[in-house]
N, C-alpha and C. Protein backbone atom coordinates (compact mmCIF):
# COMPACT_ATOMS: atom_id res chain seq x y z
N MET A 1 79.39 66.88 159.55
CA MET A 1 79.96 65.86 158.94
C MET A 1 80.19 64.68 159.88
N LYS A 2 79.86 63.61 159.56
CA LYS A 2 79.89 62.34 160.53
C LYS A 2 81.27 62.02 160.58
N THR A 3 81.67 61.58 161.89
CA THR A 3 83.02 61.17 162.02
C THR A 3 82.94 59.77 162.47
N HIS A 4 84.06 59.08 162.28
CA HIS A 4 84.16 57.61 162.70
C HIS A 4 85.40 57.42 163.61
N HIS A 5 85.19 56.58 164.52
CA HIS A 5 86.52 56.10 165.31
C HIS A 5 87.10 54.72 164.78
N ALA A 6 88.39 54.81 164.73
CA ALA A 6 89.12 53.63 164.12
C ALA A 6 90.23 53.16 164.93
N TYR A 7 90.35 52.09 165.40
CA TYR A 7 91.47 51.54 166.17
C TYR A 7 92.49 50.94 165.19
N ILE A 8 93.64 51.33 165.04
CA ILE A 8 94.80 50.85 164.14
C ILE A 8 95.88 50.32 165.02
N GLY A 9 96.35 49.12 164.68
CA GLY A 9 97.29 48.44 165.34
C GLY A 9 98.75 48.69 164.46
N LEU A 10 99.70 48.88 165.16
CA LEU A 10 101.03 49.30 164.50
C LEU A 10 102.12 48.22 165.06
N GLY A 11 102.92 47.88 163.94
CA GLY A 11 103.97 46.89 164.49
C GLY A 11 105.21 47.10 163.43
N SER A 12 106.38 46.82 164.09
CA SER A 12 107.72 46.71 163.16
C SER A 12 108.69 46.00 163.87
N ASN A 13 109.47 45.10 162.89
CA ASN A 13 110.57 44.38 163.45
C ASN A 13 111.78 44.60 162.59
N LEU A 14 111.67 45.41 161.74
CA LEU A 14 113.04 45.72 160.97
C LEU A 14 113.34 47.14 161.19
N GLY A 15 114.67 47.38 161.04
CA GLY A 15 115.37 48.65 161.16
C GLY A 15 115.17 49.21 162.65
N ASN A 16 114.95 50.68 162.72
CA ASN A 16 114.66 51.37 163.76
C ASN A 16 113.18 51.07 164.10
N ARG A 17 112.82 50.13 164.84
CA ARG A 17 111.41 49.76 164.83
C ARG A 17 110.50 50.84 165.68
N LEU A 18 111.03 51.41 166.69
CA LEU A 18 110.29 52.52 167.39
C LEU A 18 110.16 53.66 166.54
N GLU A 19 111.17 54.01 165.75
CA GLU A 19 111.15 55.42 164.90
C GLU A 19 110.08 54.97 163.87
N SER A 20 110.07 53.76 163.24
CA SER A 20 109.08 53.38 162.22
C SER A 20 107.57 53.40 162.73
N CYS A 21 107.43 52.94 163.90
CA CYS A 21 106.09 53.27 164.56
C CYS A 21 105.60 54.54 164.72
N ARG A 22 106.60 55.42 165.15
CA ARG A 22 106.31 56.85 165.59
C ARG A 22 106.04 57.53 164.14
N ASN A 23 106.78 57.12 163.15
CA ASN A 23 106.70 57.89 161.98
C ASN A 23 105.31 57.37 161.21
N ALA A 24 104.86 56.21 161.60
CA ALA A 24 103.65 55.78 160.92
C ALA A 24 102.47 56.56 161.60
N VAL A 25 102.63 56.82 162.99
CA VAL A 25 101.61 57.56 163.84
C VAL A 25 101.49 58.85 163.06
N GLU A 26 102.76 59.58 162.70
CA GLU A 26 102.56 60.82 162.08
C GLU A 26 101.91 60.89 160.79
N ALA A 27 102.23 59.74 159.77
CA ALA A 27 101.52 59.58 158.73
C ALA A 27 100.26 59.59 158.77
N LEU A 28 99.58 58.69 159.79
CA LEU A 28 98.02 58.64 159.99
C LEU A 28 97.65 60.16 160.20
N ALA A 29 98.28 60.70 161.15
CA ALA A 29 97.82 62.04 161.61
C ALA A 29 97.67 63.05 160.60
N VAL A 30 98.40 62.94 159.44
CA VAL A 30 98.35 63.94 158.36
C VAL A 30 97.32 63.42 157.33
N LEU A 31 96.75 62.28 157.29
CA LEU A 31 95.84 61.96 156.42
C LEU A 31 94.60 63.08 156.49
N PRO A 32 94.01 63.46 155.27
CA PRO A 32 92.91 64.38 155.01
C PRO A 32 91.82 63.86 155.95
N THR A 33 91.06 64.71 156.60
CA THR A 33 90.02 64.52 157.63
C THR A 33 90.44 63.57 158.83
N CYS A 34 91.53 63.47 159.25
CA CYS A 34 91.81 62.45 160.20
C CYS A 34 92.64 63.10 161.35
N THR A 35 92.25 62.75 162.66
CA THR A 35 93.16 63.20 163.72
C THR A 35 93.43 62.07 164.63
N VAL A 36 94.62 61.88 165.02
CA VAL A 36 94.92 60.86 166.21
C VAL A 36 94.48 61.48 167.35
N LEU A 37 93.52 60.79 168.07
CA LEU A 37 92.98 61.03 169.46
C LEU A 37 93.81 60.50 170.34
N GLN A 38 94.28 59.38 170.35
CA GLN A 38 95.13 58.77 171.29
C GLN A 38 96.28 57.78 170.82
N THR A 39 97.40 57.60 171.31
CA THR A 39 98.50 56.61 170.95
C THR A 39 98.74 55.98 172.29
N SER A 40 98.86 54.74 172.17
CA SER A 40 99.13 53.89 173.32
C SER A 40 100.80 54.06 173.56
N SER A 41 101.19 53.40 174.59
CA SER A 41 102.44 53.15 174.79
C SER A 41 102.93 52.35 173.72
N PHE A 42 104.42 52.25 173.31
CA PHE A 42 104.95 51.12 172.51
C PHE A 42 105.47 50.03 173.34
N TYR A 43 105.14 48.73 172.99
CA TYR A 43 105.64 47.69 173.59
C TYR A 43 106.61 46.86 172.77
N GLU A 44 107.31 46.06 173.49
CA GLU A 44 108.35 45.21 172.76
C GLU A 44 107.67 43.81 173.00
N THR A 45 107.44 42.97 171.92
CA THR A 45 106.64 41.82 171.79
C THR A 45 107.32 40.72 171.25
N THR A 46 107.08 39.32 171.54
CA THR A 46 107.73 38.37 170.80
C THR A 46 106.87 38.08 169.69
N PRO A 47 107.53 37.68 168.51
CA PRO A 47 106.70 37.21 167.31
C PRO A 47 105.80 36.22 167.60
N VAL A 48 104.76 36.34 166.84
CA VAL A 48 103.60 35.12 166.83
C VAL A 48 103.55 34.70 165.24
N GLY A 49 103.27 33.26 165.27
CA GLY A 49 103.07 32.61 164.08
C GLY A 49 104.51 32.10 163.56
N LEU A 50 105.31 32.95 162.85
CA LEU A 50 106.68 32.75 162.37
C LEU A 50 107.48 33.38 163.67
N VAL A 51 108.04 32.46 164.57
CA VAL A 51 108.67 32.91 165.70
C VAL A 51 109.96 33.16 165.61
N GLU A 52 110.85 32.76 164.54
CA GLU A 52 112.11 32.76 164.36
C GLU A 52 112.52 34.10 163.81
N GLN A 53 112.28 35.11 164.27
CA GLN A 53 112.46 36.35 163.74
C GLN A 53 112.62 37.41 164.83
N ALA A 54 113.13 38.75 164.71
CA ALA A 54 113.42 39.55 165.77
C ALA A 54 112.06 40.00 166.40
N ALA A 55 112.25 40.60 167.56
CA ALA A 55 111.22 41.05 168.39
C ALA A 55 110.54 42.31 167.81
N PHE A 56 109.06 42.54 167.79
CA PHE A 56 108.37 43.57 167.48
C PHE A 56 108.29 44.83 168.37
N ILE A 57 108.03 45.93 167.66
CA ILE A 57 107.47 47.04 168.73
C ILE A 57 106.21 47.29 168.16
N ASN A 58 105.00 47.20 169.02
CA ASN A 58 103.67 47.23 168.61
C ASN A 58 103.10 48.41 169.56
N GLY A 59 102.13 48.98 168.91
CA GLY A 59 101.20 49.98 169.64
C GLY A 59 99.93 50.05 169.11
N VAL A 60 99.13 50.90 169.56
CA VAL A 60 97.77 51.09 169.08
C VAL A 60 97.30 52.60 168.92
N VAL A 61 96.57 53.02 167.98
CA VAL A 61 96.25 54.42 167.55
C VAL A 61 94.69 54.50 167.41
N LEU A 62 94.15 55.42 168.20
CA LEU A 62 92.58 55.88 167.93
C LEU A 62 92.64 57.02 167.17
N LEU A 63 92.08 56.86 165.87
CA LEU A 63 92.02 57.71 164.91
C LEU A 63 90.64 58.27 164.69
N GLU A 64 90.15 59.41 164.41
CA GLU A 64 89.07 59.94 164.19
C GLU A 64 89.06 60.29 162.63
N THR A 65 88.01 60.03 161.93
CA THR A 65 88.08 60.16 160.48
C THR A 65 86.65 60.52 159.92
N ALA A 66 86.56 61.15 158.83
CA ALA A 66 85.29 61.58 158.28
C ALA A 66 85.15 60.59 157.12
N LYS A 67 86.04 59.75 156.75
CA LYS A 67 86.07 58.66 155.72
C LYS A 67 85.71 57.42 156.04
N ASP A 68 85.49 56.56 155.17
CA ASP A 68 84.95 55.21 155.46
C ASP A 68 86.16 54.33 155.52
N ALA A 69 85.57 53.01 156.27
CA ALA A 69 86.76 51.95 156.39
C ALA A 69 87.47 51.67 155.15
N HIS A 70 86.89 51.44 154.19
CA HIS A 70 87.59 51.11 152.77
C HIS A 70 88.69 52.15 152.51
N TRP A 71 88.49 53.56 152.49
CA TRP A 71 89.24 54.54 152.32
C TRP A 71 90.42 54.42 153.14
N LEU A 72 90.04 54.41 154.49
CA LEU A 72 91.16 54.27 155.55
C LEU A 72 92.08 53.15 155.17
N LEU A 73 91.66 51.70 155.03
CA LEU A 73 92.32 50.78 154.56
C LEU A 73 93.30 51.05 153.54
N ARG A 74 92.95 51.74 152.31
CA ARG A 74 93.60 52.02 151.26
C ARG A 74 94.83 53.11 151.71
N GLN A 75 94.42 53.91 152.60
CA GLN A 75 95.67 54.76 152.96
C GLN A 75 96.54 54.10 153.86
N MET A 76 96.12 53.16 154.57
CA MET A 76 97.09 52.39 155.47
C MET A 76 98.12 51.56 154.55
N LEU A 77 97.53 51.00 153.67
CA LEU A 77 98.27 50.22 152.77
C LEU A 77 99.28 51.26 152.10
N ALA A 78 98.86 52.30 151.53
CA ALA A 78 99.67 53.37 150.91
C ALA A 78 100.86 53.62 151.94
N ILE A 79 100.62 53.82 153.22
CA ILE A 79 101.56 54.11 154.38
C ILE A 79 102.63 53.09 154.35
N GLU A 80 102.02 51.94 154.27
CA GLU A 80 102.96 50.71 154.51
C GLU A 80 103.95 50.54 153.22
N ASN A 81 103.41 50.93 152.21
CA ASN A 81 104.20 50.80 150.95
C ASN A 81 105.28 52.17 150.98
N THR A 82 104.99 53.22 151.49
CA THR A 82 105.95 54.39 151.55
C THR A 82 107.00 53.97 152.43
N PHE A 83 106.78 53.12 153.53
CA PHE A 83 107.64 52.71 154.47
C PHE A 83 108.55 51.46 154.09
N GLY A 84 108.30 50.96 152.72
CA GLY A 84 108.89 49.77 152.44
C GLY A 84 108.53 48.50 152.74
N ARG A 85 107.16 48.48 153.11
CA ARG A 85 106.79 47.24 153.30
C ARG A 85 106.54 46.28 152.15
N ILE A 86 107.13 45.05 152.35
CA ILE A 86 107.19 44.11 151.30
C ILE A 86 106.50 42.85 151.84
N ARG A 87 105.49 42.46 151.01
CA ARG A 87 104.69 41.13 151.62
C ARG A 87 105.28 39.89 151.03
N THR A 88 106.18 39.13 151.71
CA THR A 88 106.84 37.96 151.01
C THR A 88 106.34 36.74 151.92
N LEU A 89 106.38 36.77 152.99
CA LEU A 89 106.18 35.76 153.96
C LEU A 89 105.00 36.04 154.85
N LYS A 90 104.06 35.15 155.09
CA LYS A 90 102.97 35.54 155.99
C LYS A 90 103.48 35.45 157.47
N TRP A 91 103.39 36.66 158.15
CA TRP A 91 103.73 36.82 159.57
C TRP A 91 105.18 37.01 159.68
N GLY A 92 105.82 37.39 158.47
CA GLY A 92 107.19 37.48 158.40
C GLY A 92 107.70 38.92 158.84
N PRO A 93 108.79 39.19 158.80
CA PRO A 93 109.50 40.50 159.15
C PRO A 93 108.78 41.64 158.50
N ARG A 94 108.59 42.78 159.12
CA ARG A 94 108.18 43.94 158.28
C ARG A 94 108.76 45.28 158.81
N SER A 95 108.90 46.12 157.87
CA SER A 95 109.37 47.48 158.43
C SER A 95 108.11 48.13 159.05
N ILE A 96 106.79 47.99 158.48
CA ILE A 96 105.93 48.51 159.35
C ILE A 96 104.53 47.61 159.04
N ASP A 97 103.76 47.53 159.78
CA ASP A 97 102.45 46.75 159.72
C ASP A 97 101.32 47.56 160.21
N LEU A 98 100.34 47.90 159.63
CA LEU A 98 99.07 48.77 160.26
C LEU A 98 97.90 47.76 159.94
N ASP A 99 97.31 47.63 160.97
CA ASP A 99 96.02 46.69 160.79
C ASP A 99 94.76 47.45 161.37
N LEU A 100 93.74 47.38 160.73
CA LEU A 100 92.48 48.05 161.07
C LEU A 100 91.95 47.16 162.03
N LEU A 101 92.01 47.46 163.31
CA LEU A 101 91.45 46.58 164.30
C LEU A 101 89.78 46.71 164.49
N ILE A 102 89.31 47.96 164.79
CA ILE A 102 88.10 48.11 165.01
C ILE A 102 87.68 49.56 164.23
N PHE A 103 86.48 49.49 163.68
CA PHE A 103 85.89 50.78 163.05
C PHE A 103 84.47 50.93 163.57
N ASP A 104 84.22 51.84 164.18
CA ASP A 104 83.14 52.08 165.02
C ASP A 104 82.71 50.82 165.86
N ASP A 105 81.39 50.36 165.49
CA ASP A 105 80.71 49.08 165.88
C ASP A 105 80.52 48.28 164.72
N LEU A 106 81.15 48.69 163.61
CA LEU A 106 80.77 47.84 162.25
C LEU A 106 81.46 46.47 162.28
N ILE A 107 80.60 45.61 161.66
CA ILE A 107 81.16 44.19 161.26
C ILE A 107 81.11 44.30 159.77
N ILE A 108 82.30 44.10 159.24
CA ILE A 108 82.57 43.95 157.91
C ILE A 108 83.30 42.74 157.37
N ASP A 109 82.82 41.79 156.44
CA ASP A 109 83.37 40.63 156.31
C ASP A 109 83.56 40.55 154.74
N LEU A 110 84.60 41.05 154.12
CA LEU A 110 84.65 41.18 152.68
C LEU A 110 86.09 40.58 152.34
N PRO A 111 86.32 40.15 151.23
CA PRO A 111 87.65 39.62 150.80
C PRO A 111 88.76 40.64 151.12
N ASP A 112 88.61 41.90 151.09
CA ASP A 112 89.68 42.69 151.17
C ASP A 112 89.60 43.55 152.54
N LEU A 113 88.67 43.30 153.26
CA LEU A 113 88.45 44.13 154.65
C LEU A 113 87.56 43.15 155.65
N SER A 114 88.39 43.01 156.70
CA SER A 114 87.54 42.33 157.80
C SER A 114 87.74 43.17 159.18
N VAL A 115 86.51 43.55 159.50
CA VAL A 115 86.57 44.53 160.72
C VAL A 115 85.39 43.91 161.55
N PRO A 116 85.69 43.61 162.94
CA PRO A 116 86.97 43.84 163.57
C PRO A 116 87.92 42.94 163.14
N HIS A 117 89.24 43.13 163.36
CA HIS A 117 90.32 42.23 162.69
C HIS A 117 89.93 40.84 163.34
N PRO A 118 90.10 39.86 162.55
CA PRO A 118 89.60 38.50 162.94
C PRO A 118 90.38 37.76 163.93
N LEU A 119 91.64 38.32 164.24
CA LEU A 119 92.74 37.65 165.31
C LEU A 119 92.84 38.54 166.69
N LEU A 120 91.99 39.74 166.47
CA LEU A 120 92.18 40.68 167.66
C LEU A 120 92.25 40.11 169.03
N HIS A 121 91.25 39.30 169.16
CA HIS A 121 91.01 38.72 170.39
C HIS A 121 92.09 37.82 170.91
N GLU A 122 92.75 37.33 169.96
CA GLU A 122 93.80 36.29 170.26
C GLU A 122 95.16 36.92 170.52
N ARG A 123 95.32 38.08 170.44
CA ARG A 123 96.67 38.70 170.18
C ARG A 123 96.97 39.52 171.34
N ARG A 124 97.98 39.00 172.35
CA ARG A 124 98.14 40.03 173.64
C ARG A 124 98.95 41.28 172.82
N PHE A 125 99.79 41.13 171.99
CA PHE A 125 100.47 42.40 171.62
C PHE A 125 99.47 43.27 170.93
N VAL A 126 98.12 43.12 170.69
CA VAL A 126 97.29 44.18 170.22
C VAL A 126 96.55 44.57 171.44
N LEU A 127 96.20 43.51 172.26
CA LEU A 127 95.12 43.86 173.44
C LEU A 127 95.87 44.44 174.31
N GLU A 128 96.99 44.44 174.76
CA GLU A 128 97.71 45.18 175.73
C GLU A 128 97.63 46.63 175.50
N PRO A 129 98.12 47.23 174.49
CA PRO A 129 98.17 48.47 173.98
C PRO A 129 96.64 48.91 173.95
N LEU A 130 95.71 48.14 173.29
CA LEU A 130 94.46 48.58 173.00
C LEU A 130 93.89 48.73 174.42
N ASN A 131 93.90 47.98 175.21
CA ASN A 131 93.50 48.02 176.81
C ASN A 131 93.88 49.30 177.38
N GLU A 132 95.07 49.69 177.13
CA GLU A 132 95.71 50.89 177.74
C GLU A 132 94.90 52.20 177.38
N ILE A 133 94.56 52.13 176.10
CA ILE A 133 93.79 53.46 175.59
C ILE A 133 92.09 53.32 175.43
N ALA A 134 91.86 52.03 175.52
CA ALA A 134 90.14 51.79 175.47
C ALA A 134 89.86 50.50 176.19
N PRO A 135 89.97 50.26 177.47
CA PRO A 135 89.63 49.02 178.23
C PRO A 135 88.14 48.71 177.96
N ASP A 136 87.41 49.69 177.99
CA ASP A 136 85.97 49.54 178.03
C ASP A 136 85.31 49.31 176.48
N LEU A 137 86.06 49.34 175.54
CA LEU A 137 85.69 49.41 174.13
C LEU A 137 85.12 47.91 174.02
N ARG A 138 83.92 47.82 173.21
CA ARG A 138 83.33 46.50 173.25
C ARG A 138 83.66 45.98 171.80
N HIS A 139 84.12 44.64 171.72
CA HIS A 139 84.16 43.96 170.54
C HIS A 139 82.85 43.60 169.93
N PRO A 140 82.51 44.27 168.64
CA PRO A 140 81.24 44.27 168.15
C PRO A 140 80.55 42.65 167.82
N CYS A 141 81.64 41.84 167.75
CA CYS A 141 80.99 40.46 167.42
C CYS A 141 81.06 39.52 168.82
N LEU A 142 82.03 39.62 169.58
CA LEU A 142 82.02 38.90 170.80
C LEU A 142 81.47 39.44 171.99
N GLU A 143 81.02 40.70 171.72
CA GLU A 143 80.20 41.54 172.82
C GLU A 143 81.04 41.22 174.22
N LYS A 144 82.23 41.43 174.27
CA LYS A 144 83.18 41.72 175.47
C LYS A 144 83.79 42.96 175.41
N THR A 145 84.43 43.39 176.43
CA THR A 145 85.41 44.68 176.51
C THR A 145 86.66 44.23 176.25
N VAL A 146 87.54 45.05 175.76
CA VAL A 146 88.96 44.85 175.57
C VAL A 146 89.50 44.24 176.79
N ALA A 147 89.14 44.73 177.93
CA ALA A 147 89.69 44.51 179.20
C ALA A 147 89.35 42.98 179.39
N GLU A 148 88.05 42.60 179.06
CA GLU A 148 87.63 41.12 179.41
C GLU A 148 88.30 40.27 178.51
N LEU A 149 88.51 40.77 177.17
CA LEU A 149 89.27 39.99 176.12
C LEU A 149 90.75 39.57 176.62
N LEU A 150 91.10 40.68 177.16
CA LEU A 150 92.62 40.55 177.59
C LEU A 150 92.86 39.54 178.91
N ASP A 151 91.68 39.55 179.70
CA ASP A 151 91.70 38.68 180.90
C ASP A 151 91.35 37.12 180.42
N ASP A 152 90.75 37.18 179.38
CA ASP A 152 90.45 35.80 178.99
C ASP A 152 91.51 34.97 178.28
N LEU A 153 92.70 35.75 177.75
CA LEU A 153 93.76 35.25 177.12
C LEU A 153 94.48 34.34 177.99
N GLU A 154 94.97 33.23 177.48
CA GLU A 154 95.94 32.48 178.26
C GLU A 154 97.25 32.99 178.00
N ASP A 155 98.16 32.85 178.92
CA ASP A 155 99.60 33.22 179.07
C ASP A 155 100.31 32.91 177.67
N GLY A 156 100.29 31.57 177.33
CA GLY A 156 101.04 31.28 176.03
C GLY A 156 102.40 31.73 176.16
N HIS A 157 103.06 32.00 174.95
CA HIS A 157 104.25 32.37 175.01
C HIS A 157 104.58 33.70 174.59
N GLN A 158 103.52 34.55 174.51
CA GLN A 158 103.61 36.00 174.07
C GLN A 158 104.29 36.94 175.01
N ARG A 159 105.08 37.28 174.92
CA ARG A 159 105.89 38.58 175.88
C ARG A 159 105.53 39.97 175.28
N VAL A 160 105.07 40.63 176.14
CA VAL A 160 104.81 42.11 176.05
C VAL A 160 105.28 42.94 177.18
N GLU A 161 106.02 43.86 176.75
CA GLU A 161 106.51 44.72 177.97
C GLU A 161 106.77 46.15 177.35
N VAL A 162 106.40 47.05 178.22
CA VAL A 162 106.36 48.61 177.73
C VAL A 162 107.95 48.97 177.47
N VAL A 163 108.03 49.60 176.28
CA VAL A 163 109.13 50.34 176.14
C VAL A 163 109.42 51.72 176.12
N VAL A 164 108.29 52.28 175.80
CA VAL A 164 108.20 53.68 175.78
C VAL A 164 106.68 54.11 176.08
N SER A 165 106.49 55.03 177.07
CA SER A 165 105.13 55.26 177.45
C SER A 165 105.01 56.76 176.56
């Protein structure tokens, strides 16, 4: 059975943010034919886009799965629904957010699925935890490692600090 490697970003800024992220990791771990291989530390980060909201807790998971990217995305959306995710405001507050960042070295550009995540290379709150577990991972479109993408980021106003290793 062929397996795939998926990197999934996690984020929460409502309720018990850390507990929500940990519970999301557990929910991913019990998906059929899926195994969580690595989990980054969890980081407290300032919001991006809509900045007038509470700080986020963010992390990244490396998941091994025998299923395809569309199946995994559907499961991730179901997990978000289970956690009470309501999509009302773009970049708004959320109980949990799961983003499919990278799936093997695939490039998928469809209305319902974009892999690699189109903003991955611009987001320190994703690159910091991703760099922790996969600094040598290559972005399939940009042909740079995660460590190189992180080095290329300008400081901006994104604050990222480890809260739990």
